[in-house]
Amino acid sequence: MSEPEEDGMCEAHARRIARLESEIEELRSANDVLRRVAEFLARRPHRSGPVDRADPGRSPRWGGSG
């Protein structure tokens, strides 16, 4: 392999490494957001009882249609 070919491969690898490092940083940021959401949800009071299938966000016990 000639020196210009090696230089081209090195530059291509350097670009790929930079792109992967950027993607890693994006994933770390997204992971941090998901961790904070999970912590927030874990602190919320949990509903118990049957779930109204017409409105899954509302329990029949608390004024749903069930």
PDB file of N, CA and C in Angstrom:
ATOM      1  N   MET A   1       0.854  -1.168   0.000  1.00  0.00           N
ATOM      2  CA  MET A   1       0.000   0.000   0.000  1.00  0.00           C
ATOM      3  C   MET A   1       0.905   1.238   0.000  1.00  0.00           C
ATOM      4  N   SER A   2       0.531   2.199  -0.784  1.00  0.00           N
ATOM      5  CA  SER A   2       1.340   3.420  -0.896  1.00  0.00           C
ATOM      6  C   SER A   2       1.056   4.350   0.285  1.00  0.00           C
ATOM      7  N   GLU A   3       1.942   5.293   0.463  1.00  0.00           N
ATOM      8  CA  GLU A   3       1.789   6.246   1.564  1.00  0.00           C
ATOM      9  C   GLU A   3       0.515   7.082   1.428  1.00  0.00           C
ATOM     10  N   PRO A   4       0.170   7.586   0.229  1.00  0.00           N
ATOM     11  CA  PRO A   4      -1.097   8.330   0.102  1.00  0.00           C
ATOM     12  C   PRO A   4      -2.316   7.471   0.451  1.00  0.00           C
ATOM     13  N   GLU A   5      -2.280   6.170   0.084  1.00  0.00           N
ATOM     14  CA  GLU A   5      -3.398   5.285   0.437  1.00  0.00           C
ATOM     15  C   GLU A   5      -3.492   5.116   1.953  1.00  0.00           C
ATOM     16  N   GLU A   6      -2.349   4.955   2.601  1.00  0.00           N
ATOM     17  CA  GLU A   6      -2.334   4.815   4.059  1.00  0.00           C
ATOM     18  C   GLU A   6      -2.852   6.084   4.726  1.00  0.00           C
ATOM     19  N   ASP A   7      -2.424   7.243   4.188  1.00  0.00           N
ATOM     20  CA  ASP A   7      -2.895   8.514   4.742  1.00  0.00           C
ATOM     21  C   ASP A   7      -4.416   8.640   4.589  1.00  0.00           C
ATOM     22  N   GLY A   8      -4.927   8.231   3.450  1.00  0.00           N
ATOM     23  CA  GLY A   8      -6.366   8.276   3.221  1.00  0.00           C
ATOM     24  C   GLY A   8      -7.113   7.379   4.188  1.00  0.00           C
ATOM     25  N   MET A   9      -6.580   6.194   4.429  1.00  0.00           N
ATOM     26  CA  MET A   9      -7.211   5.273   5.379  1.00  0.00           C
ATOM     27  C   MET A   9      -7.174   5.856   6.785  1.00  0.00           C
ATOM     28  N   CYS A  10      -6.051   6.466   7.157  1.00  0.00           N
ATOM     29  CA  CYS A  10      -5.933   7.068   8.487  1.00  0.00           C
ATOM     30  C   CYS A  10      -6.959   8.191   8.668  1.00  0.00           C
ATOM     31  N   GLU A  11      -7.116   9.020   7.638  1.00  0.00           N
ATOM     32  CA  GLU A  11      -8.093  10.108   7.715  1.00  0.00           C
ATOM     33  C   GLU A  11      -9.510   9.563   7.813  1.00  0.00           C
ATOM     34  N   ALA A  12      -9.799   8.527   7.047  1.00  0.00           N
ATOM     35  CA  ALA A  12     -11.134   7.917   7.095  1.00  0.00           C
ATOM     36  C   ALA A  12     -11.399   7.335   8.485  1.00  0.00           C
ATOM     37  N   HIS A  13     -10.399   6.680   9.056  1.00  0.00           N
ATOM     38  CA  HIS A  13     -10.561   6.123  10.393  1.00  0.00           C
ATOM     39  C   HIS A  13     -10.732   7.235  11.428  1.00  0.00           C
ATOM     40  N   ALA A  14      -9.988   8.312  11.275  1.00  0.00           N
ATOM     41  CA  ALA A  14     -10.104   9.427  12.213  1.00  0.00           C
ATOM     42  C   ALA A  14     -11.511  10.030  12.152  1.00  0.00           C
ATOM     43  N   ARG A  15     -12.067  10.169  10.951  1.00  0.00           N
ATOM     44  CA  ARG A  15     -13.436  10.690  10.811  1.00  0.00           C
ATOM     45  C   ARG A  15     -14.442   9.730  11.459  1.00  0.00           C
ATOM     46  N   ARG A  16     -14.240   8.442  11.240  1.00  0.00           N
ATOM     47  CA  ARG A  16     -15.157   7.453  11.819  1.00  0.00           C
ATOM     48  C   ARG A  16     -15.083   7.479  13.345  1.00  0.00           C
ATOM     49  N   ILE A  17     -13.874   7.583  13.880  1.00  0.00           N
ATOM     50  CA  ILE A  17     -13.711   7.649  15.339  1.00  0.00           C
ATOM     51  C   ILE A  17     -14.409   8.888  15.887  1.00  0.00           C
ATOM     52  N   ALA A  18     -14.244  10.023  15.226  1.00  0.00           N
ATOM     53  CA  ALA A  18     -14.890  11.256  15.677  1.00  0.00           C
ATOM     54  C   ALA A  18     -16.411  11.108  15.650  1.00  0.00           C
ATOM     55  N   ARG A  19     -16.936  10.492  14.592  1.00  0.00           N
ATOM     56  CA  ARG A  19     -18.387  10.286  14.486  1.00  0.00           C
ATOM     57  C   ARG A  19     -18.873   9.358  15.608  1.00  0.00           C
ATOM     58  N   LEU A  20     -18.125   8.293  15.873  1.00  0.00           N
ATOM     59  CA  LEU A  20     -18.523   7.358  16.928  1.00  0.00           C
ATOM     60  C   LEU A  20     -18.461   8.019  18.302  1.00  0.00           C
ATOM     61  N   GLU A  21     -17.449   8.848  18.531  1.00  0.00           N
ATOM     62  CA  GLU A  21     -17.361   9.557  19.807  1.00  0.00           C
ATOM     63  C   GLU A  21     -18.540  10.492  19.985  1.00  0.00           C
ATOM     64  N   SER A  22     -18.976  11.132  18.905  1.00  0.00           N
ATOM     65  CA  SER A  22     -20.141  12.010  18.957  1.00  0.00           C
ATOM     66  C   SER A  22     -21.399  11.198  19.276  1.00  0.00           C
ATOM     67  N   GLU A  23     -21.542  10.049  18.645  1.00  0.00           N
ATOM     68  CA  GLU A  23     -22.705   9.194  18.914  1.00  0.00           C
ATOM     69  C   GLU A  23     -22.702   8.699  20.351  1.00  0.00           C
ATOM     70  N   ILE A  24     -21.528   8.378  20.878  1.00  0.00           N
ATOM     71  CA  ILE A  24     -21.419   7.936  22.269  1.00  0.00           C
ATOM     72  C   ILE A  24     -21.896   9.045  23.195  1.00  0.00           C
ATOM     73  N   GLU A  25     -21.485  10.272  22.923  1.00  0.00           N
ATOM     74  CA  GLU A  25     -21.904  11.402  23.758  1.00  0.00           C
ATOM     75  C   GLU A  25     -23.415  11.598  23.690  1.00  0.00           C
ATOM     76  N   GLU A  26     -24.010  11.451  22.504  1.00  0.00           N
ATOM     77  CA  GLU A  26     -25.469  11.560  22.372  1.00  0.00           C
ATOM     78  C   GLU A  26     -26.168  10.469  23.175  1.00  0.00           C
ATOM     79  N   LEU A  27     -25.639   9.252  23.125  1.00  0.00           N
ATOM     80  CA  LEU A  27     -26.236   8.145  23.872  1.00  0.00           C
ATOM     81  C   LEU A  27     -26.116   8.365  25.375  1.00  0.00           C
ATOM     82  N   ARG A  28     -24.996   8.893  25.813  1.00  0.00           N
ATOM     83  CA  ARG A  28     -24.831   9.188  27.246  1.00  0.00           C
ATOM     84  C   ARG A  28     -25.844  10.235  27.694  1.00  0.00           C
ATOM     85  N   SER A  29     -26.054  11.240  26.856  1.00  0.00           N
ATOM     86  CA  SER A  29     -27.019  12.283  27.180  1.00  0.00           C
ATOM     87  C   SER A  29     -28.434  11.700  27.252  1.00  0.00           C
ATOM     88  N   ALA A  30     -28.793  10.881  26.271  1.00  0.00           N
ATOM     89  CA  ALA A  30     -30.114  10.251  26.268  1.00  0.00           C
ATOM     90  C   ALA A  30     -30.275   9.331  27.476  1.00  0.00           C
ATOM     91  N   ASN A  31     -29.227   8.622  27.831  1.00  0.00           N
ATOM     92  CA  ASN A  31     -29.272   7.736  28.983  1.00  0.00           C
ATOM     93  C   ASN A  31     -29.504   8.537  30.264  1.00  0.00           C
ATOM     94  N   ASP A  32     -28.872   9.696  30.364  1.00  0.00           N
ATOM     95  CA  ASP A  32     -29.054  10.546  31.527  1.00  0.00           C
ATOM     96  C   ASP A  32     -30.508  11.022  31.621  1.00  0.00           C
ATOM     97  N   VAL A  33     -31.084  11.405  30.496  1.00  0.00           N
ATOM     98  CA  VAL A  33     -32.487  11.838  30.479  1.00  0.00           C
ATOM     99  C   VAL A  33     -33.394  10.690  30.914  1.00  0.00           C
ATOM    100  N   LEU A  34     -33.163   9.495  30.370  1.00  0.00           N
ATOM    101  CA  LEU A  34     -33.998   8.342  30.740  1.00  0.00           C
ATOM    102  C   LEU A  34     -33.844   8.000  32.219  1.00  0.00           C
ATOM    103  N   ARG A  35     -32.640   8.125  32.759  1.00  0.00           N
ATOM    104  CA  ARG A  35     -32.416   7.847  34.177  1.00  0.00           C
ATOM    105  C   ARG A  35     -33.204   8.832  35.034  1.00  0.00           C
ATOM    106  N   ARG A  36     -33.184  10.125  34.633  1.00  0.00           N
ATOM    107  CA  ARG A  36     -33.933  11.126  35.397  1.00  0.00           C
ATOM    108  C   ARG A  36     -35.434  10.890  35.312  1.00  0.00           C
ATOM    109  N   VAL A  37     -35.927  10.481  34.152  1.00  0.00           N
ATOM    110  CA  VAL A  37     -37.356  10.172  34.006  1.00  0.00           C
ATOM    111  C   VAL A  37     -37.717   8.982  34.890  1.00  0.00           C
ATOM    112  N   ALA A  38     -36.885   7.948  34.889  1.00  0.00           N
ATOM    113  CA  ALA A  38     -37.149   6.770  35.726  1.00  0.00           C
ATOM    114  C   ALA A  38     -37.167   7.150  37.204  1.00  0.00           C
ATOM    115  N   GLU A  39     -36.240   8.009  37.633  1.00  0.00           N
ATOM    116  CA  GLU A  39     -36.221   8.449  39.028  1.00  0.00           C
ATOM    117  C   GLU A  39     -37.482   9.243  39.358  1.00  0.00           C
ATOM    118  N   PHE A  40     -37.902  10.108  38.435  1.00  0.00           N
ATOM    119  CA  PHE A  40     -39.120  10.883  38.633  1.00  0.00           C
ATOM    120  C   PHE A  40     -40.328   9.957  38.766  1.00  0.00           C
ATOM    121  N   LEU A  41     -40.448   9.003  37.859  1.00  0.00           N
ATOM    122  CA  LEU A  41     -41.582   8.079  37.898  1.00  0.00           C
ATOM    123  C   LEU A  41     -41.567   7.221  39.148  1.00  0.00           C
ATOM    124  N   ALA A  42     -40.377   6.863  39.629  1.00  0.00           N
ATOM    125  CA  ALA A  42     -40.281   6.035  40.832  1.00  0.00           C
ATOM    126  C   ALA A  42     -40.769   6.797  42.066  1.00  0.00           C
ATOM    127  N   ARG A  43     -40.685   8.123  42.053  1.00  0.00           N
ATOM    128  CA  ARG A  43     -41.119   8.930  43.199  1.00  0.00           C
ATOM    129  C   ARG A  43     -42.622   9.200  43.186  1.00  0.00           C
ATOM    130  N   ARG A  44     -43.273   8.983  42.052  1.00  0.00           N
ATOM    131  CA  ARG A  44     -44.708   9.262  41.955  1.00  0.00           C
ATOM    132  C   ARG A  44     -45.504   8.188  42.688  1.00  0.00           C
ATOM    133  N   PRO A  45     -46.657   8.569  43.250  1.00  0.00           N
ATOM    134  CA  PRO A  45     -47.496   7.545  43.894  1.00  0.00           C
ATOM    135  C   PRO A  45     -48.027   6.572  42.841  1.00  0.00           C
ATOM    136  N   HIS A  46     -48.128   5.326  43.232  1.00  0.00           N
ATOM    137  CA  HIS A  46     -48.604   4.291  42.317  1.00  0.00           C
ATOM    138  C   HIS A  46     -50.104   4.105  42.472  1.00  0.00           C
ATOM    139  N   ARG A  47     -50.788   3.939  41.361  1.00  0.00           N
ATOM    140  CA  ARG A  47     -52.220   3.640  41.395  1.00  0.00           C
ATOM    141  C   ARG A  47     -52.390   2.141  41.536  1.00  0.00           C
ATOM    142  N   SER A  48     -53.441   1.769  42.221  1.00  0.00           N
ATOM    143  CA  SER A  48     -53.743   0.344  42.306  1.00  0.00           C
ATOM    144  C   SER A  48     -55.198   0.146  41.907  1.00  0.00           C
ATOM    145  N   GLY A  49     -55.534  -1.062  41.579  1.00  0.00           N
ATOM    146  CA  GLY A  49     -56.898  -1.356  41.185  1.00  0.00           C
ATOM    147  C   GLY A  49     -56.994  -1.595  39.696  1.00  0.00           C
ATOM    148  N   PRO A  50     -58.208  -1.942  39.233  1.00  0.00           N
ATOM    149  CA  PRO A  50     -58.391  -2.249  37.813  1.00  0.00           C
ATOM    150  C   PRO A  50     -58.217  -1.007  36.947  1.00  0.00           C
ATOM    151  N   VAL A  51     -57.837  -1.234  35.733  1.00  0.00           N
ATOM    152  CA  VAL A  51     -57.644  -0.140  34.784  1.00  0.00           C
ATOM    153  C   VAL A  51     -58.796  -0.147  33.791  1.00  0.00           C
ATOM    154  N   ASP A  52     -59.355   1.024  33.532  1.00  0.00           N
ATOM    155  CA  ASP A  52     -60.422   1.173  32.549  1.00  0.00           C
ATOM    156  C   ASP A  52     -59.800   1.039  31.162  1.00  0.00           C
ATOM    157  N   ARG A  53     -60.180   0.022  30.415  1.00  0.00           N
ATOM    158  CA  ARG A  53     -59.566  -0.205  29.101  1.00  0.00           C
ATOM    159  C   ARG A  53     -59.890   0.916  28.114  1.00  0.00           C
ATOM    160  N   ALA A  54     -61.002   1.603  28.297  1.00  0.00           N
ATOM    161  CA  ALA A  54     -61.349   2.708  27.406  1.00  0.00           C
ATOM    162  C   ALA A  54     -60.436   3.909  27.661  1.00  0.00           C
ATOM    163  N   ASP A  55     -59.963   4.032  28.900  1.00  0.00           N
ATOM    164  CA  ASP A  55     -59.067   5.130  29.266  1.00  0.00           C
ATOM    165  C   ASP A  55     -58.023   4.570  30.225  1.00  0.00           C
ATOM    166  N   PRO A  56     -56.942   3.981  29.692  1.00  0.00           N
ATOM    167  CA  PRO A  56     -55.952   3.325  30.546  1.00  0.00           C
ATOM    168  C   PRO A  56     -55.327   4.249  31.579  1.00  0.00           C
ATOM    169  N   GLY A  57     -55.411   5.540  31.379  1.00  0.00           N
ATOM    170  CA  GLY A  57     -54.838   6.472  32.343  1.00  0.00           C
ATOM    171  C   GLY A  57     -55.722   6.716  33.553  1.00  0.00           C
ATOM    172  N   ARG A  58     -56.945   6.171  33.532  1.00  0.00           N
ATOM    173  CA  ARG A  58     -57.889   6.423  34.613  1.00  0.00           C
ATOM    174  C   ARG A  58     -58.369   5.112  35.210  1.00  0.00           C
ATOM    175  N   SER A  59     -58.319   5.004  36.515  1.00  0.00           N
ATOM    176  CA  SER A  59     -58.813   3.819  37.194  1.00  0.00           C
ATOM    177  C   SER A  59     -60.323   3.967  37.407  1.00  0.00           C
ATOM    178  N   PRO A  60     -61.113   2.906  37.196  1.00  0.00           N
ATOM    179  CA  PRO A  60     -62.564   3.004  37.394  1.00  0.00           C
ATOM    180  C   PRO A  60     -62.914   3.439  38.817  1.00  0.00           C
ATOM    181  N   ARG A  61     -62.093   3.069  39.777  1.00  0.00           N
ATOM    182  CA  ARG A  61     -62.304   3.428  41.165  1.00  0.00           C
ATOM    183  C   ARG A  61     -62.341   4.943  41.371  1.00  0.00           C
ATOM    184  N   TRP A  62     -61.614   5.648  40.527  1.00  0.00           N
ATOM    185  CA  TRP A  62     -61.472   7.083  40.692  1.00  0.00           C
ATOM    186  C   TRP A  62     -62.268   7.859  39.648  1.00  0.00           C
ATOM    187  N   GLY A  63     -63.416   7.330  39.265  1.00  0.00           N
ATOM    188  CA  GLY A  63     -64.295   8.080  38.389  1.00  0.00           C
ATOM    189  C   GLY A  63     -64.247   7.644  36.930  1.00  0.00           C
ATOM    190  N   GLY A  64     -63.730   6.483  36.669  1.00  0.00           N
ATOM    191  CA  GLY A  64     -63.720   5.964  35.310  1.00  0.00           C
ATOM    192  C   GLY A  64     -65.070   5.397  34.937  1.00  0.00           C
ATOM    193  N   SER A  65     -65.171   4.811  33.780  1.00  0.00           N
ATOM    194  CA  SER A  65     -66.473   4.317  33.319  1.00  0.00           C
ATOM    195  C   SER A  65     -66.760   2.901  33.782  1.00  0.00           C
ATOM    196  N   GLY A  66     -65.834   2.258  34.517  1.00  0.00           N
ATOM    197  CA  GLY A  66     -66.008   0.866  34.949  1.00  0.00           C
ATOM    198  C   GLY A  66     -66.781   0.803  36.169  1.00  0.00           C
TER     199      GLY A  66
END
